[in-house]
N, C-alpha and C. Protein backbone atom coordinates (compact mmCIF):
# COMPACT_ATOMS: atom_id res chain seq x y z
N MET A 1 71.85 80.90 73.45
CA MET A 1 71.74 81.58 74.73
C MET A 1 70.49 81.13 75.49
N ASP A 2 69.46 80.76 74.78
CA ASP A 2 68.23 80.31 75.45
C ASP A 2 68.48 79.12 76.37
N HIS A 3 69.44 78.25 75.99
CA HIS A 3 69.71 77.05 76.80
C HIS A 3 70.25 77.39 78.18
N PHE A 4 70.79 78.57 78.34
CA PHE A 4 71.35 78.99 79.62
C PHE A 4 70.44 79.93 80.39
N GLN A 5 69.24 80.17 79.88
CA GLN A 5 68.34 81.14 80.48
C GLN A 5 68.01 80.80 81.94
N TYR A 6 67.71 79.57 82.20
CA TYR A 6 67.34 79.13 83.56
C TYR A 6 68.53 79.33 84.51
N LEU A 7 69.72 78.91 84.07
CA LEU A 7 70.91 79.06 84.91
C LEU A 7 71.27 80.53 85.10
N LEU A 8 71.09 81.34 84.08
CA LEU A 8 71.36 82.78 84.20
C LEU A 8 70.40 83.44 85.20
N LEU A 9 69.17 83.01 85.19
CA LEU A 9 68.20 83.52 86.15
C LEU A 9 68.62 83.16 87.58
N MET A 10 69.08 81.94 87.79
CA MET A 10 69.55 81.53 89.12
C MET A 10 70.80 82.31 89.52
N ALA A 11 71.70 82.54 88.58
CA ALA A 11 72.89 83.34 88.87
C ALA A 11 72.50 84.76 89.24
N GLY A 12 71.49 85.30 88.56
CA GLY A 12 70.99 86.63 88.90
C GLY A 12 70.45 86.70 90.31
N CYS A 13 69.75 85.65 90.74
CA CYS A 13 69.24 85.60 92.11
C CYS A 13 70.38 85.64 93.12
N VAL A 14 71.43 84.89 92.85
CA VAL A 14 72.58 84.87 93.76
C VAL A 14 73.25 86.24 93.79
N VAL A 15 73.48 86.82 92.63
CA VAL A 15 74.16 88.12 92.55
C VAL A 15 73.35 89.20 93.26
N LEU A 16 72.03 89.19 93.07
CA LEU A 16 71.19 90.22 93.68
C LEU A 16 71.10 90.09 95.20
N THR A 17 71.24 88.88 95.73
CA THR A 17 71.15 88.71 97.18
C THR A 17 72.52 88.66 97.85
N LEU A 18 73.59 88.63 97.08
CA LEU A 18 74.93 88.60 97.65
C LEU A 18 75.23 89.78 98.57
N PRO A 19 74.76 90.99 98.27
CA PRO A 19 75.00 92.09 99.21
C PRO A 19 74.42 91.84 100.61
N LEU A 20 73.42 91.01 100.71
CA LEU A 20 72.87 90.70 102.03
C LEU A 20 73.91 89.99 102.88
N GLU A 21 74.76 89.21 102.25
CA GLU A 21 75.85 88.53 102.96
C GLU A 21 77.05 89.45 103.16
N VAL A 22 77.47 90.07 102.07
CA VAL A 22 78.71 90.84 102.07
C VAL A 22 78.56 92.17 102.81
N VAL A 23 77.49 92.90 102.54
CA VAL A 23 77.32 94.24 103.10
C VAL A 23 76.60 94.20 104.44
N LEU A 24 75.53 93.42 104.52
CA LEU A 24 74.70 93.42 105.73
C LEU A 24 74.99 92.26 106.68
N GLY A 25 75.91 91.39 106.31
CA GLY A 25 76.37 90.34 107.22
C GLY A 25 75.35 89.30 107.59
N ALA A 26 74.64 88.77 106.60
CA ALA A 26 73.63 87.75 106.88
C ALA A 26 74.23 86.47 107.47
N ARG A 27 75.48 86.20 107.20
CA ARG A 27 76.21 85.04 107.71
C ARG A 27 75.59 83.71 107.31
N VAL A 28 75.13 83.62 106.10
CA VAL A 28 74.61 82.35 105.58
C VAL A 28 75.74 81.59 104.89
N TRP A 29 76.46 82.23 103.98
CA TRP A 29 77.56 81.58 103.26
C TRP A 29 78.73 81.32 104.19
N ARG A 30 78.85 82.07 105.28
CA ARG A 30 79.99 81.92 106.18
C ARG A 30 79.84 80.74 107.14
N ARG A 31 78.70 80.08 107.10
CA ARG A 31 78.47 78.90 107.94
C ARG A 31 78.09 77.72 107.03
N PRO A 32 79.06 77.18 106.30
CA PRO A 32 78.75 76.18 105.28
C PRO A 32 78.13 74.89 105.82
N ARG A 33 78.56 74.43 106.97
CA ARG A 33 77.96 73.19 107.52
C ARG A 33 76.48 73.38 107.81
N ARG A 34 76.16 74.49 108.42
CA ARG A 34 74.76 74.79 108.73
C ARG A 34 73.94 74.95 107.45
N LEU A 35 74.52 75.60 106.44
CA LEU A 35 73.84 75.79 105.17
C LEU A 35 73.56 74.46 104.48
N VAL A 36 74.56 73.60 104.42
CA VAL A 36 74.39 72.29 103.79
C VAL A 36 73.34 71.47 104.55
N ALA A 37 73.41 71.49 105.87
CA ALA A 37 72.43 70.75 106.67
C ALA A 37 71.02 71.26 106.42
N THR A 38 70.88 72.54 106.20
CA THR A 38 69.57 73.14 105.93
C THR A 38 69.06 72.75 104.55
N LEU A 39 69.95 72.62 103.58
CA LEU A 39 69.54 72.38 102.20
C LEU A 39 69.31 70.91 101.85
N VAL A 40 69.96 70.00 102.55
CA VAL A 40 69.91 68.58 102.17
C VAL A 40 68.47 68.07 102.09
N GLY A 41 67.69 68.30 103.11
CA GLY A 41 66.30 67.79 103.14
C GLY A 41 65.46 68.28 101.96
N PRO A 42 65.33 69.59 101.79
CA PRO A 42 64.52 70.07 100.67
C PRO A 42 65.05 69.64 99.30
N VAL A 43 66.36 69.63 99.11
CA VAL A 43 66.90 69.25 97.81
C VAL A 43 66.57 67.79 97.51
N VAL A 44 66.74 66.92 98.48
CA VAL A 44 66.44 65.49 98.28
C VAL A 44 64.95 65.27 98.05
N VAL A 45 64.12 65.85 98.90
CA VAL A 45 62.67 65.63 98.80
C VAL A 45 62.12 66.18 97.48
N PHE A 46 62.46 67.43 97.15
CA PHE A 46 61.90 68.02 95.93
C PHE A 46 62.49 67.41 94.67
N SER A 47 63.74 66.97 94.72
CA SER A 47 64.31 66.28 93.56
C SER A 47 63.58 64.96 93.32
N ALA A 48 63.35 64.21 94.39
CA ALA A 48 62.61 62.94 94.27
C ALA A 48 61.19 63.19 93.75
N TRP A 49 60.57 64.22 94.24
CA TRP A 49 59.22 64.59 93.81
C TRP A 49 59.22 64.89 92.30
N ASP A 50 60.18 65.69 91.85
CA ASP A 50 60.25 66.02 90.43
C ASP A 50 60.53 64.79 89.57
N VAL A 51 61.44 63.91 90.03
CA VAL A 51 61.74 62.69 89.27
C VAL A 51 60.48 61.85 89.13
N ALA A 52 59.70 61.73 90.20
CA ALA A 52 58.45 60.96 90.13
C ALA A 52 57.46 61.62 89.16
N ALA A 53 57.36 62.94 89.22
CA ALA A 53 56.43 63.66 88.35
C ALA A 53 56.85 63.55 86.88
N ILE A 54 58.15 63.60 86.63
CA ILE A 54 58.66 63.45 85.27
C ILE A 54 58.39 62.04 84.76
N ALA A 55 58.62 61.04 85.60
CA ALA A 55 58.40 59.64 85.21
C ALA A 55 56.93 59.37 84.89
N ASP A 56 56.03 60.01 85.62
CA ASP A 56 54.59 59.82 85.39
C ASP A 56 54.03 60.80 84.36
N HIS A 57 54.90 61.58 83.73
CA HIS A 57 54.51 62.55 82.70
C HIS A 57 53.57 63.63 83.22
N TRP A 58 53.69 63.96 84.49
CA TRP A 58 52.93 65.07 85.06
C TRP A 58 53.68 66.37 84.88
N TRP A 59 54.98 66.28 84.65
CA TRP A 59 55.84 67.44 84.65
C TRP A 59 56.87 67.30 83.54
N HIS A 60 57.18 68.40 82.90
CA HIS A 60 58.23 68.38 81.89
C HIS A 60 58.91 69.75 81.85
N TYR A 61 60.03 69.81 81.16
CA TYR A 61 60.80 71.04 81.04
C TYR A 61 60.92 71.40 79.57
N ALA A 62 60.81 72.67 79.28
CA ALA A 62 60.99 73.14 77.92
C ALA A 62 62.48 73.03 77.59
N ARG A 63 62.83 72.11 76.74
CA ARG A 63 64.23 71.84 76.40
C ARG A 63 64.92 73.08 75.83
N ARG A 64 64.15 74.01 75.34
CA ARG A 64 64.72 75.24 74.79
C ARG A 64 65.45 76.06 75.86
N TYR A 65 65.01 75.96 77.13
CA TYR A 65 65.54 76.81 78.19
C TYR A 65 66.48 76.11 79.16
N VAL A 66 66.77 74.85 78.92
CA VAL A 66 67.69 74.13 79.79
C VAL A 66 68.88 73.63 78.97
N THR A 67 69.97 73.34 79.65
CA THR A 67 71.21 72.97 78.96
C THR A 67 71.17 71.59 78.32
N GLY A 68 70.27 70.75 78.78
CA GLY A 68 70.22 69.38 78.27
C GLY A 68 71.01 68.42 79.13
N VAL A 69 71.64 68.92 80.18
CA VAL A 69 72.37 68.06 81.11
C VAL A 69 71.36 67.55 82.14
N ASP A 70 71.12 66.26 82.10
CA ASP A 70 70.15 65.65 83.01
C ASP A 70 70.84 64.76 84.03
N LEU A 71 70.30 64.77 85.21
CA LEU A 71 70.75 63.88 86.28
C LEU A 71 69.91 62.61 86.20
N PRO A 72 70.22 61.61 87.00
CA PRO A 72 69.39 60.40 86.98
C PRO A 72 67.91 60.74 87.17
N GLY A 73 67.06 60.03 86.45
CA GLY A 73 65.62 60.28 86.50
C GLY A 73 65.19 61.38 85.55
N ARG A 74 66.06 61.74 84.62
CA ARG A 74 65.82 62.81 83.63
C ARG A 74 65.56 64.16 84.29
N LEU A 75 66.15 64.36 85.47
CA LEU A 75 66.01 65.62 86.19
C LEU A 75 67.05 66.61 85.66
N PRO A 76 66.61 67.72 85.08
CA PRO A 76 67.58 68.71 84.59
C PRO A 76 68.42 69.27 85.73
N VAL A 77 69.70 69.47 85.48
CA VAL A 77 70.60 70.00 86.49
C VAL A 77 70.11 71.36 86.99
N GLU A 78 69.44 72.11 86.12
CA GLU A 78 68.92 73.42 86.50
C GLU A 78 67.91 73.33 87.64
N GLU A 79 67.19 72.23 87.69
CA GLU A 79 66.18 72.08 88.75
C GLU A 79 66.84 71.92 90.11
N VAL A 80 67.92 71.19 90.17
CA VAL A 80 68.65 71.04 91.43
C VAL A 80 69.28 72.38 91.82
N VAL A 81 69.79 73.10 90.84
CA VAL A 81 70.33 74.43 91.11
C VAL A 81 69.23 75.31 91.71
N PHE A 82 68.04 75.24 91.16
CA PHE A 82 66.90 75.99 91.69
C PHE A 82 66.63 75.62 93.14
N PHE A 83 66.67 74.31 93.44
CA PHE A 83 66.39 73.84 94.81
C PHE A 83 67.46 74.28 95.80
N VAL A 84 68.61 74.69 95.31
CA VAL A 84 69.67 75.21 96.18
C VAL A 84 69.59 76.73 96.26
N VAL A 85 69.50 77.38 95.12
CA VAL A 85 69.59 78.85 95.06
C VAL A 85 68.41 79.53 95.74
N VAL A 86 67.21 79.10 95.48
CA VAL A 86 66.05 79.78 96.04
C VAL A 86 66.03 79.71 97.58
N PRO A 87 66.26 78.57 98.20
CA PRO A 87 66.34 78.57 99.66
C PRO A 87 67.49 79.42 100.22
N VAL A 88 68.63 79.44 99.54
CA VAL A 88 69.75 80.26 100.00
C VAL A 88 69.35 81.74 99.96
N CYS A 89 68.72 82.16 98.89
CA CYS A 89 68.27 83.56 98.79
C CYS A 89 67.24 83.86 99.88
N ALA A 90 66.36 82.92 100.15
CA ALA A 90 65.37 83.12 101.22
C ALA A 90 66.05 83.20 102.58
N LEU A 91 67.04 82.35 102.83
CA LEU A 91 67.77 82.39 104.10
C LEU A 91 68.52 83.71 104.28
N LEU A 92 69.14 84.19 103.21
CA LEU A 92 69.84 85.47 103.29
C LEU A 92 68.88 86.58 103.68
N THR A 93 67.74 86.61 103.03
CA THR A 93 66.74 87.64 103.32
C THR A 93 66.22 87.49 104.75
N PHE A 94 65.91 86.27 105.14
CA PHE A 94 65.39 86.02 106.49
C PHE A 94 66.37 86.48 107.57
N GLU A 95 67.65 86.16 107.40
CA GLU A 95 68.65 86.53 108.39
C GLU A 95 68.76 88.03 108.56
N VAL A 96 68.78 88.76 107.45
CA VAL A 96 68.91 90.22 107.54
C VAL A 96 67.64 90.84 108.12
N VAL A 97 66.48 90.40 107.68
CA VAL A 97 65.23 90.96 108.19
C VAL A 97 65.07 90.64 109.68
N SER A 98 65.40 89.42 110.08
CA SER A 98 65.30 89.05 111.50
C SER A 98 66.20 89.93 112.36
N ALA A 99 67.42 90.14 111.90
CA ALA A 99 68.35 90.97 112.67
C ALA A 99 67.88 92.42 112.70
N ALA A 100 67.37 92.92 111.59
CA ALA A 100 66.88 94.30 111.56
C ALA A 100 65.67 94.48 112.47
N LEU A 101 64.81 93.49 112.54
CA LEU A 101 63.62 93.58 113.40
C LEU A 101 63.99 93.49 114.88
N ALA A 102 65.18 92.99 115.17
CA ALA A 102 65.63 92.88 116.56
C ALA A 102 66.10 94.22 117.11
N ALA A 103 66.28 95.20 116.23
CA ALA A 103 66.70 96.53 116.69
C ALA A 103 65.59 97.13 117.55
N PRO A 104 65.96 97.98 118.48
CA PRO A 104 64.95 98.59 119.36
C PRO A 104 63.86 99.32 118.58
N ALA A 105 62.67 99.32 119.11
CA ALA A 105 61.54 99.99 118.48
C ALA A 105 61.85 101.46 118.26
N GLY A 106 61.37 101.98 117.14
CA GLY A 106 61.58 103.38 116.83
C GLY A 106 62.87 103.67 116.09
N THR A 107 63.68 102.64 115.85
CA THR A 107 64.93 102.83 115.12
C THR A 107 64.61 103.03 113.65
N PRO A 108 65.14 104.09 113.01
CA PRO A 108 64.89 104.30 111.58
C PRO A 108 65.43 103.14 110.74
N TRP A 109 64.89 102.96 109.55
CA TRP A 109 65.24 101.80 108.72
C TRP A 109 66.72 101.75 108.39
N TRP A 110 67.35 102.91 108.12
CA TRP A 110 68.77 102.88 107.76
C TRP A 110 69.64 102.47 108.94
N ARG A 111 69.20 102.77 110.13
CA ARG A 111 69.94 102.32 111.31
C ARG A 111 69.64 100.87 111.61
N ARG A 112 68.44 100.41 111.26
CA ARG A 112 68.12 98.99 111.43
C ARG A 112 69.04 98.13 110.57
N LEU A 113 69.35 98.61 109.36
CA LEU A 113 70.26 97.85 108.50
C LEU A 113 71.65 97.79 109.12
N ARG A 114 72.10 98.89 109.71
CA ARG A 114 73.40 98.87 110.40
C ARG A 114 73.33 97.92 111.59
N TRP A 115 72.22 97.96 112.30
CA TRP A 115 72.00 97.06 113.44
C TRP A 115 72.08 95.62 112.97
N ALA A 116 71.44 95.32 111.83
CA ALA A 116 71.46 93.97 111.28
C ALA A 116 72.89 93.56 110.94
N ARG A 117 73.66 94.47 110.35
CA ARG A 117 75.02 94.15 109.94
C ARG A 117 75.91 93.85 111.14
N THR A 118 75.74 94.59 112.21
CA THR A 118 76.60 94.41 113.38
C THR A 118 76.00 93.46 114.40
N ARG A 119 74.79 93.00 114.13
CA ARG A 119 74.08 92.08 115.04
C ARG A 119 73.98 92.66 116.45
N GLY A 120 73.71 93.97 116.51
CA GLY A 120 73.49 94.61 117.80
C GLY A 120 74.75 94.94 118.55
N LYS A 121 75.92 94.84 117.91
CA LYS A 121 77.18 95.15 118.60
C LYS A 121 77.39 96.65 118.72
N THR A 122 76.59 97.42 117.98
CA THR A 122 76.61 98.87 118.16
C THR A 122 75.20 99.29 118.50
N SER A 123 75.07 100.43 119.12
CA SER A 123 73.74 100.92 119.44
C SER A 123 73.09 101.43 118.16
N PRO A 124 71.77 101.55 118.13
CA PRO A 124 71.10 102.04 116.93
C PRO A 124 71.62 103.41 116.49
N GLY A 125 72.15 104.21 117.41
CA GLY A 125 72.70 105.52 117.07
C GLY A 125 74.06 105.43 116.40
N GLY A 126 74.67 104.25 116.37
CA GLY A 126 75.91 104.04 115.66
C GLY A 126 77.13 103.97 116.55
N ARG A 127 77.01 104.26 117.84
CA ARG A 127 78.19 104.21 118.70
C ARG A 127 78.24 102.86 119.41
N ARG A 128 79.43 102.46 119.79
CA ARG A 128 79.58 101.22 120.54
C ARG A 128 79.13 101.47 121.97
N PRO A 129 78.44 100.52 122.56
CA PRO A 129 78.03 100.71 123.96
C PRO A 129 79.24 100.67 124.90
N ALA A 130 79.17 101.42 125.98
CA ALA A 130 80.22 101.44 126.98
C ALA A 130 80.18 100.11 127.75
N ALA A 131 81.26 99.79 128.43
CA ALA A 131 81.33 98.55 129.23
C ALA A 131 80.17 98.51 130.20
N GLY A 132 79.47 97.43 130.20
CA GLY A 132 78.34 97.25 131.11
C GLY A 132 77.04 97.84 130.60
N GLU A 133 77.09 98.61 129.51
CA GLU A 133 75.89 99.24 128.95
C GLU A 133 75.28 98.31 127.90
N ARG A 134 73.98 98.24 127.89
CA ARG A 134 73.30 97.42 126.87
C ARG A 134 73.25 98.18 125.57
N ALA A 135 73.34 97.42 124.48
CA ALA A 135 73.27 98.05 123.15
C ALA A 135 71.86 98.49 122.83
């Protein structure tokens, strides 16, 4: 079980932040092209950085906690998973917090979450705005 510890931790991160997408409507997973475009740069740069560090013996992984599946450059697959999962979790959090902060000043936190979920399509009081009325 120790060999899957790193991957289980990453799965836990995804599971714990999934409600931000499903319940609060972060809309990160629902825009796959945008998500992939956001992730390509960091994944490539940090993977290359790790491969260089591993080659120069500056960095290593405890084989006890990884599956042993390595990508080219002796980069553990778990490291690439990390480079994908952590930014996705950060994006989910950022999207929900940004939307909640966009709610009008003085809105209680529980209504801010509703505001975040609906992206301002309802007023902070929970009713839909009338035609021509601002939310």
